[in-house]
Protein backbone atom coordinates (compact mmCIF):
# COMPACT_ATOMS: atom_id res chain seq x y z
CA MET A 1 140.69 -16.09 57.14
CA THR A 2 140.56 -13.21 54.66
CA PHE A 3 141.79 -13.19 51.06
CA GLU A 4 144.15 -10.36 51.91
CA GLU A 5 146.01 -12.74 54.29
CA THR A 6 147.18 -14.83 51.42
CA TYR A 7 149.63 -13.79 48.64
CA LEU A 8 146.98 -13.46 45.93
CA ASN A 9 148.08 -10.43 43.84
CA ASP A 10 146.58 -7.01 43.86
CA ASN A 11 144.45 -7.32 40.73
CA ILE A 12 142.77 -10.52 41.99
CA LEU A 13 142.18 -8.77 45.47
CA ASP A 14 140.61 -5.70 43.60
CA ALA A 15 138.18 -7.98 41.71
CA LEU A 16 137.21 -9.79 44.99
CA TYR A 17 136.58 -6.47 46.73
CA ASP A 18 134.34 -5.40 43.89
CA MET A 19 132.43 -8.66 44.13
CA HIS A 20 132.24 -8.30 47.99
CA PHE A 21 134.23 -11.36 48.73
CA GLU A 22 136.56 -11.17 51.72
CA GLU A 23 136.18 -14.18 54.14
CA MET A 24 137.41 -17.48 52.63
CA THR A 25 135.29 -20.64 52.85
CA PRO A 26 137.19 -23.65 54.48
CA ILE A 27 137.98 -25.27 51.10
CA GLN A 28 139.53 -21.99 49.88
CA GLU A 29 141.44 -21.47 53.14
CA LYS A 30 143.08 -24.89 52.75
CA CYS A 31 143.43 -25.04 49.01
CA ILE A 32 144.59 -21.61 47.84
CA PRO A 33 148.01 -21.54 49.85
CA GLU A 34 148.86 -25.09 48.62
CA ILE A 35 148.10 -24.30 45.00
CA LEU A 36 150.06 -21.05 45.23
CA ASP A 37 153.05 -23.18 46.57
CA GLU A 38 152.68 -25.20 43.28
CA ARG A 39 151.53 -28.47 44.92
CA ASP A 40 149.42 -31.08 43.20
CA LEU A 41 146.12 -31.25 45.13
CA ILE A 42 143.02 -33.22 45.41
CA GLY A 43 140.00 -31.72 47.10
CA ILE A 44 137.06 -33.48 48.24
CA ALA A 45 134.20 -31.04 48.56
CA GLN A 46 130.58 -30.72 47.36
CA THR A 47 128.99 -28.15 45.34
CA GLY A 48 128.38 -24.82 47.01
CA THR A 49 131.64 -24.85 49.19
CA GLY A 50 133.46 -22.40 46.97
CA LYS A 51 135.74 -24.80 45.25
CA THR A 52 135.73 -22.94 41.91
CA ALA A 53 137.30 -19.92 43.53
CA ALA A 54 139.67 -22.21 45.48
CA TYR A 55 141.52 -23.21 42.14
CA LEU A 56 140.66 -20.24 39.88
CA LEU A 57 141.97 -17.57 42.17
CA PRO A 58 145.46 -18.86 42.77
CA ILE A 59 145.96 -19.94 39.18
CA LEU A 60 144.84 -16.50 37.81
CA SER A 61 147.11 -14.77 40.41
CA MET A 62 150.11 -16.79 39.30
CA LEU A 63 149.41 -16.23 35.64
CA ASP A 64 148.96 -12.55 36.12
CA ASP A 65 152.33 -12.34 38.14
CA GLY A 66 154.02 -13.57 34.96
CA GLY A 67 156.74 -15.99 34.06
CA TYR A 68 154.47 -18.06 31.89
CA PRO A 69 154.78 -18.40 28.06
CA LYS A 70 152.84 -15.94 25.94
CA ASP A 71 150.43 -16.96 23.24
CA ALA A 72 150.25 -20.45 24.68
CA VAL A 73 147.67 -22.53 26.59
CA ASN A 74 148.64 -22.33 30.19
CA CYS A 75 145.75 -23.80 31.94
CA ILE A 76 142.91 -26.29 31.23
CA VAL A 77 139.81 -26.68 33.45
CA MET A 78 137.90 -29.86 32.73
CA ALA A 79 134.19 -30.04 33.59
CA PRO A 80 131.71 -32.81 33.09
CA THR A 81 128.87 -30.76 31.56
CA ARG A 82 128.24 -27.84 29.44
CA GLU A 83 126.35 -26.15 32.23
CA LEU A 84 129.17 -26.45 34.75
CA ALA A 85 131.66 -25.20 32.03
CA GLN A 86 129.52 -22.07 31.56
CA GLN A 87 129.39 -21.36 35.31
CA ILE A 88 133.11 -21.68 35.62
CA ASP A 89 133.56 -19.40 32.67
CA GLN A 90 131.20 -16.82 34.31
CA ALA A 91 133.35 -17.05 37.50
CA MET A 92 136.47 -16.54 35.35
CA GLN A 93 135.19 -13.35 33.97
CA GLY A 94 134.44 -11.94 37.48
CA PHE A 95 137.74 -12.94 39.02
CA GLY A 96 139.76 -11.96 36.02
CA TYR A 97 138.13 -8.47 35.57
CA TYR A 98 141.43 -6.59 36.14
CA LEU A 99 143.70 -9.14 34.40
CA ASP A 100 144.24 -7.46 31.06
CA GLY A 101 146.84 -9.92 29.87
CA ILE A 102 144.94 -13.15 30.69
CA SER A 103 142.60 -14.52 28.03
CA SER A 104 140.13 -17.49 28.17
CA VAL A 105 137.85 -19.52 26.10
CA ALA A 106 135.04 -21.97 26.99
CA VAL A 107 134.82 -25.07 24.89
CA TYR A 108 131.82 -27.33 25.18
CA GLY A 109 129.54 -29.50 22.92
CA GLY A 110 126.12 -29.21 21.58
CA ASN A 111 126.57 -25.94 19.62
CA ASP A 112 126.23 -24.93 16.10
CA GLY A 113 129.16 -24.46 13.61
CA SER A 114 129.57 -20.87 14.37
CA ARG A 115 130.15 -21.55 18.01
CA PHE A 116 132.83 -24.08 17.05
CA ASP A 117 134.48 -21.48 14.78
CA VAL A 118 134.66 -19.05 17.71
CA GLU A 119 136.24 -21.70 19.84
CA THR A 120 138.74 -22.60 17.15
CA LYS A 121 139.78 -18.94 16.78
CA GLY A 122 140.24 -18.47 20.50
CA LEU A 123 142.32 -21.72 20.79
CA LYS A 124 144.61 -20.79 17.86
CA MET A 125 145.30 -17.41 19.40
CA GLY A 126 146.64 -19.21 22.41
CA ALA A 127 144.15 -18.55 25.21
CA ASP A 128 145.73 -18.67 28.64
CA VAL A 129 142.86 -20.58 30.22
CA ILE A 130 140.60 -23.10 28.45
CA ILE A 131 137.40 -24.21 30.24
CA ALA A 132 136.14 -27.40 28.47
CA THR A 133 134.20 -30.63 28.58
CA PRO A 134 136.42 -33.60 27.66
CA GLY A 135 134.79 -34.66 24.42
CA ARG A 136 134.79 -31.23 22.84
CA LEU A 137 138.31 -30.52 23.90
CA LEU A 138 139.58 -33.84 22.29
CA SER A 139 137.80 -32.87 18.98
CA HIS A 140 139.78 -29.61 18.89
CA ILE A 141 143.07 -31.52 19.87
CA ARG A 142 142.54 -34.01 17.00
CA MET A 143 141.92 -31.26 14.59
CA GLY A 144 145.18 -29.60 15.58
CA HIS A 145 143.61 -26.48 16.98
CA LEU A 146 145.79 -26.26 20.13
CA ASP A 147 149.11 -27.23 21.52
CA LEU A 148 149.40 -28.37 25.10
CA SER A 149 153.13 -28.85 25.34
CA GLN A 150 153.69 -25.66 27.52
CA LEU A 151 150.71 -26.28 29.82
CA SER A 152 151.27 -25.38 33.49
CA PHE A 153 147.80 -26.08 35.16
CA PHE A 154 145.53 -29.04 34.67
CA VAL A 155 142.29 -28.89 36.65
CA LEU A 156 139.62 -31.56 36.86
CA ASP A 157 136.37 -30.23 38.33
CA GLU A 158 133.74 -32.86 39.57
CA ALA A 159 136.08 -35.58 38.57
CA ASP A 160 133.58 -38.20 40.01
CA ARG A 161 130.94 -36.92 37.61
CA MET A 162 133.18 -37.05 34.61
CA LEU A 163 133.97 -40.73 35.33
CA ASP A 164 130.42 -41.61 35.92
CA MET A 165 129.62 -40.11 32.52
CA GLY A 166 132.26 -42.29 30.80
CA PHE A 167 134.98 -39.65 30.32
CA SER A 168 137.92 -41.62 31.92
CA ASP A 169 139.56 -42.53 28.56
CA ASP A 170 139.16 -39.02 27.26
CA ILE A 171 140.78 -37.51 30.37
CA LEU A 172 143.76 -39.93 30.20
CA SER A 173 144.14 -39.20 26.46
CA ILE A 174 144.47 -35.49 27.16
CA ALA A 175 146.76 -36.16 30.11
CA LYS A 176 149.16 -38.02 27.97
CA LEU A 177 149.77 -34.82 25.83
CA LEU A 178 150.80 -32.65 28.79
CA PRO A 179 154.39 -31.83 29.86
CA LYS A 180 155.78 -33.59 32.80
CA ASN A 181 156.23 -30.44 35.02
CA HIS A 182 152.63 -29.30 35.00
CA GLN A 183 150.57 -28.86 38.13
CA THR A 184 147.47 -31.05 38.54
CA ILE A 185 144.52 -30.12 40.72
CA MET A 186 141.46 -32.32 41.11
CA PHE A 187 138.17 -31.74 42.84
CA SER A 188 135.58 -34.43 43.59
CA ALA A 189 132.45 -34.59 45.65
CA THR A 190 133.16 -38.27 46.55
CA MET A 191 136.24 -40.42 46.73
CA PRO A 192 135.38 -43.86 45.41
CA GLN A 193 138.00 -46.32 44.29
CA LYS A 194 138.04 -45.20 40.64
CA ILE A 195 138.84 -41.64 41.67
CA GLN A 196 141.63 -42.81 43.97
CA GLN A 197 143.07 -44.69 40.92
CA LEU A 198 142.76 -41.61 38.79
CA ALA A 199 144.42 -39.52 41.32
CA ARG A 200 147.36 -42.01 41.59
CA THR A 201 147.68 -41.91 37.81
CA LEU A 202 147.65 -38.11 37.27
CA LEU A 203 148.91 -36.43 40.50
CA THR A 204 152.39 -36.35 42.03
CA ASP A 205 152.79 -36.38 45.84
CA PRO A 206 149.39 -34.40 46.09
CA VAL A 207 148.04 -32.66 49.09
CA GLU A 208 144.68 -34.01 50.06
CA VAL A 209 142.02 -31.58 51.28
CA LYS A 210 138.61 -32.97 52.54
CA ILE A 211 135.72 -30.78 53.52
CA ALA A 212 133.01 -32.69 55.31
CA VAL A 213 129.75 -32.76 53.52
CA SER A 214 127.40 -30.38 55.15
CA LYS A 215 124.09 -31.62 56.33
CA PRO A 216 120.94 -30.49 54.38
CA ALA A 217 119.38 -27.09 55.26
CA GLU A 218 117.18 -27.25 58.39
CA LYS A 219 114.51 -25.58 56.22
CA ILE A 220 114.17 -28.77 54.19
CA GLN A 221 111.22 -30.71 55.44
CA GLN A 222 112.34 -34.44 54.75
CA SER A 223 110.04 -37.45 54.63
CA ALA A 224 109.87 -40.87 53.06
CA TYR A 225 107.39 -43.50 51.72
CA VAL A 226 108.34 -47.05 52.41
CA CYS A 227 106.96 -48.95 49.47
CA TYR A 228 107.24 -51.69 46.82
CA GLU A 229 108.54 -50.65 43.42
CA PRO A 230 105.12 -50.97 41.71
CA GLN A 231 103.56 -48.62 44.23
CA LYS A 232 105.72 -45.67 43.37
CA LEU A 233 103.72 -44.32 40.49
CA GLY A 234 100.55 -44.58 42.62
CA ILE A 235 102.21 -42.40 45.29
CA ILE A 236 103.22 -39.85 42.41
CA ARG A 237 99.61 -39.78 41.34
CA SER A 238 98.45 -39.15 44.95
CA LEU A 239 100.97 -36.37 45.59
CA PHE A 240 100.05 -34.43 42.49
CA LYS A 241 96.32 -34.92 43.03
CA ALA A 242 96.49 -33.75 46.63
CA GLY A 243 97.77 -30.34 45.62
CA GLU A 244 98.99 -28.13 43.00
CA LEU A 245 102.62 -28.88 43.30
CA GLU A 246 104.90 -26.48 41.28
CA ARG A 247 108.60 -25.98 40.84
CA VAL A 248 109.42 -29.63 41.53
CA ILE A 249 112.38 -31.88 40.51
CA ILE A 250 111.83 -35.51 40.48
CA PHE A 251 115.14 -37.51 40.65
CA SER A 252 115.60 -41.01 39.34
CA GLY A 253 118.96 -43.01 38.83
CA LYS A 254 117.64 -44.53 35.60
CA LYS A 255 116.57 -42.72 32.36
CA ASP A 256 113.88 -45.32 31.66
CA LYS A 257 112.14 -44.48 34.81
CA VAL A 258 112.43 -40.77 34.05
CA LYS A 259 110.61 -41.44 30.78
CA ASP A 260 107.92 -43.44 32.64
CA ILE A 261 107.37 -40.92 35.29
CA THR A 262 107.16 -38.05 32.58
CA ARG A 263 104.57 -40.01 30.66
CA GLU A 264 102.47 -40.65 33.83
CA LEU A 265 102.59 -36.94 34.73
CA LYS A 266 101.53 -35.95 31.25
CA ARG A 267 98.54 -38.28 31.34
CA MET A 268 97.50 -36.18 34.40
CA ASN A 269 97.99 -32.92 32.48
CA ILE A 270 100.99 -31.93 34.58
CA ASN A 271 103.26 -29.40 32.86
CA CYS A 272 106.39 -31.33 32.97
CA ALA A 273 109.60 -32.15 31.02
CA ALA A 274 112.30 -34.98 31.20
CA MET A 275 116.05 -34.40 31.46
CA HIS A 276 118.32 -37.44 30.65
CA SER A 277 121.29 -38.57 28.54
CA ASP A 278 119.20 -39.57 25.47
CA LEU A 279 118.43 -35.91 24.86
CA SER A 280 120.74 -33.90 22.55
CA GLN A 281 122.63 -31.00 24.03
CA ALA A 282 120.14 -28.62 22.31
CA GLU A 283 117.26 -30.41 23.73
CA ARG A 284 118.77 -30.33 27.25
CA ASP A 285 119.31 -26.51 27.00
CA ASP A 286 115.73 -26.07 25.78
CA VAL A 287 114.34 -28.01 28.79
CA MET A 288 116.48 -26.20 31.33
CA TYR A 289 115.62 -22.87 29.84
CA ARG A 290 111.86 -23.59 29.93
CA PHE A 291 112.13 -24.90 33.51
CA LYS A 292 114.18 -21.86 34.71
CA ALA A 293 111.64 -19.51 32.99
CA GLY A 294 108.78 -21.06 34.72
CA GLN A 295 107.24 -22.43 31.35
CA VAL A 296 107.70 -25.90 32.92
CA ASN A 297 106.56 -26.76 36.46
CA VAL A 298 108.01 -30.21 37.06
CA LEU A 299 111.32 -31.45 35.91
CA VAL A 300 111.98 -35.17 35.86
CA ALA A 301 115.64 -35.91 35.83
CA THR A 302 118.56 -38.18 36.23
CA ASP A 303 121.45 -37.06 38.38
CA ILE A 304 122.70 -34.88 35.52
CA VAL A 305 121.15 -31.89 37.26
CA ALA A 306 121.83 -32.83 40.83
CA ARG A 307 124.98 -30.72 40.98
CA GLY A 308 126.10 -27.38 39.63
CA ILE A 309 122.84 -26.05 38.48
CA ASP A 310 121.55 -22.92 40.32
CA ILE A 311 117.80 -22.72 40.41
CA ASP A 312 116.78 -20.87 43.49
CA ASP A 313 112.96 -21.41 43.48
CA ILE A 314 112.58 -25.14 43.71
CA LEU A 315 109.85 -26.01 46.20
CA CYS A 316 109.99 -29.75 46.32
CA VAL A 317 112.48 -32.58 45.48
CA ILE A 318 111.23 -36.08 45.02
CA ASN A 319 113.66 -38.99 45.14
CA TYR A 320 111.90 -41.64 42.96
CA ASP A 321 114.59 -44.05 44.13
CA VAL A 322 117.13 -43.79 46.92
CA PRO A 323 120.67 -42.50 45.90
CA ARG A 324 123.44 -45.07 46.62
CA ASP A 325 125.59 -42.50 48.40
CA ALA A 326 124.41 -40.29 51.33
CA GLU A 327 126.41 -37.31 49.66
CA ASP A 328 124.33 -37.82 46.46
CA TYR A 329 121.21 -37.54 48.63
CA VAL A 330 122.47 -34.21 50.06
CA HIS A 331 123.31 -32.92 46.52
CA ARG A 332 119.84 -33.92 45.31
CA ILE A 333 117.67 -32.32 48.02
CA GLY A 334 120.00 -29.33 48.20
CA ARG A 335 118.25 -28.15 44.97
CA THR A 336 115.40 -26.93 47.24
CA ALA A 337 115.39 -24.46 50.33
CA ARG A 338 117.63 -22.06 48.64
CA ALA A 339 117.82 -18.29 48.73
CA GLN A 340 116.09 -18.11 52.14
CA ARG A 341 113.16 -20.26 50.89
CA ASP A 342 111.62 -23.40 52.59
CA GLY A 343 111.60 -26.71 50.87
CA VAL A 344 110.26 -30.18 50.84
CA ALA A 345 112.24 -33.34 50.09
CA ILE A 346 110.39 -36.78 49.69
CA THR A 347 112.04 -39.99 49.02
CA PHE A 348 110.50 -43.40 47.85
CA VAL A 349 112.24 -46.29 49.62
CA SER A 350 111.58 -49.68 48.14
CA ASP A 351 112.29 -52.87 49.94
CA MET A 352 115.50 -53.09 47.87
CA ASP A 353 116.60 -49.63 48.88
CA MET A 354 116.30 -49.83 52.60
CA ARG A 355 119.97 -50.46 53.27
CA TYR A 356 121.02 -47.26 51.39
CA PHE A 357 118.35 -45.16 53.05
CA GLY A 358 119.56 -46.43 56.44
CA ASP A 359 123.03 -45.24 55.53
CA ILE A 360 121.57 -41.88 54.77
CA GLU A 361 119.80 -41.65 58.05
CA ARG A 362 123.02 -42.48 59.84
CA PHE A 363 125.01 -39.88 57.90
CA LEU A 364 122.20 -37.24 58.86
CA GLU A 365 122.20 -38.63 62.46
CA ARG A 366 118.38 -38.57 62.38
CA ASP A 367 115.41 -40.67 61.53
CA ILE A 368 113.50 -39.35 58.61
CA HIS A 369 109.69 -39.34 59.00
CA LYS A 370 107.91 -42.14 57.21
CA ASN A 371 104.67 -41.19 55.62
CA PRO A 372 101.74 -43.60 55.45
CA LEU A 373 100.98 -44.87 51.96
CA PRO A 374 97.98 -43.32 50.10
CA GLU A 375 94.73 -45.05 50.39
CA GLY A 376 94.14 -47.85 47.78
CA LEU A 377 97.75 -48.74 47.44
CA GLY A 378 97.83 -51.63 49.97
CA GLU A 379 100.49 -52.21 52.49
CA GLY A 380 104.19 -51.48 52.04
CA PRO A 381 107.15 -53.46 53.35
CA GLU A 382 108.24 -53.11 56.89
CA TYR A 383 111.13 -50.65 57.20
CA ARG A 384 114.46 -52.28 58.27
CA ALA A 385 117.69 -50.31 58.06
CA SER A 386 120.74 -52.39 57.66
CA ALA A 387 123.85 -52.23 59.69
CA PRO A 388 126.21 -49.45 58.86
CA ARG A 389 129.10 -50.05 56.50
CA LYS A 390 132.57 -49.03 57.15
CA SER A 391 133.78 -45.89 55.47
CA SER A 392 137.29 -44.48 54.92
CA ARG A 393 138.53 -41.14 55.98
CA GLY A 394 140.99 -39.07 54.03
CA ARG A 395 143.72 -36.95 55.75
CA GLY A 396 143.09 -33.22 55.91
CA GLY A 397 145.20 -30.88 53.69
CA ARG A 398 147.87 -28.81 55.42
CA ARG A 399 147.80 -25.06 54.79
CA ARG A 400 151.21 -23.43 54.07
CA SER A 401 152.31 -19.75 54.27
CA GLY A 402 154.85 -17.67 52.58
CA LYS A 403 155.75 -16.87 48.88
CA SER A 404 155.33 -19.67 46.20
CA PRO A 405 158.64 -20.81 44.56
CA LYS A 406 157.86 -19.03 41.35
CA ALA A 407 156.78 -15.86 43.12
CA GLN A 408 159.87 -15.91 45.35
CA ASN A 409 162.21 -16.44 42.22
CA LYS A 410 160.45 -13.52 40.57
CA GLN A 411 160.95 -11.29 43.69
CA ASN A 412 164.60 -12.14 43.85
CA GLY A 413 165.31 -11.48 40.20
CA GLN A 414 162.85 -8.74 39.43
CA ASP A 415 162.31 -6.64 42.49
CA SER A 416 162.13 -3.51 40.34
CA GLN A 417 159.22 -4.91 38.42
CA GLN A 418 157.21 -5.94 41.38
CA LYS A 419 154.10 -3.99 42.26
CA LYS A 420 153.60 -2.92 45.79
CA ARG A 421 150.48 -4.32 47.26
CA HIS A 422 148.07 -1.40 48.05
CA HIS A 423 145.76 -1.72 51.13
CA HIS A 424 142.02 -1.53 51.31
CA GLY A 425 142.06 -0.20 54.78
CA GLY A 426 140.04 2.86 53.73
CA LYS A 427 137.25 0.82 52.17
CA LYS A 428 134.26 -0.41 54.17
CA LYS A 429 134.67 -4.12 54.86
CA LYS A 430 131.71 -6.47 54.21
CA ASN A 431 131.44 -9.74 55.85
CA THR A 432 130.79 -11.74 52.69
CA THR A 433 132.09 -15.20 51.63
CA SER A 434 132.99 -16.43 48.15
CA GLN A 435 130.69 -19.23 47.13
CA GLN A 436 131.70 -19.55 43.51
């Protein structure tokens, strides 16, 4: 389905044409009509499915059509990290290129005072769209820098990550300040019980759209070491002695392990850096800058960088421990084999993690090759995958057609002011899909 088959307005279509976006991804095809129909929506989709465009495009189209208060905050997009907020802001600039009357401001922590002053000025001028991390937005709210009483759209992107990072109370505090008739849109990569509870609290009769998690790219060479916990550092030493590994991310679910691994690599004179929640925002920015620039070869990180970070030249991902969810495994190893490159994914499976790794293999519908342990480390445990656990399935979203209620009312009352949609028939079509 193409974007021109929806009732996105001409200015949005012009921007999409300039960006060579025509064919919609499945999440966009299912979400855009529902959002234009002013339905609350919860979308279950992983990074890379095009979910940013799935909510930004219809919201910007409706704002550009008019009927919303001027000099007021009309939309808030919440994101768990500064990095994701910046990426959404970049997408906003592209999609909104021809929207002269729509303003936006990105609000996130970890900046100096001058940045905070810029944010404050933008908020007081009544930016139409605010892209924000929860803590920073609450700071501005408490200082009286913005009024949310006329808000029309409230978007939660990567809601599961926000809850994992402890933002539940912040989100609920912000939600209490919103008018009753606003539209709420929530996206999450997973649907645990806590997300279901949040959805019940914030959304009214929502449409649920679920896009199945795609399997890892075939170009990723996956393997595992079945080992005891104390053997893991020995495997790390062996891997890095065996060859000059570069552009590597090592994931661990615990920051203490991240620190241990980093210390071990530095003893081996490996050019590495750690990324975890004990670092300040400025320190995190510096680490990511140096890694992206190639000044650091190995990044040792918690799942803070498993989603939403675009680094195209990662050659190897090492899971120091097994993710507790198969979708998290896909997110982690999806950092490699990007931009037509090959990649390697290695997972350390301890005796305590076999059940979770078995879940991953069942999800992937394949057995992942088990490597022999390096010499000198002794025997590892025998691999035994547990029986599969039951999982719940959400119902798929239903796509609608026709004009949205607000757009239809506008057409009935203001026909003389409506622009006629022009066609792009004379322009050369490009079979490109929006992945923002």
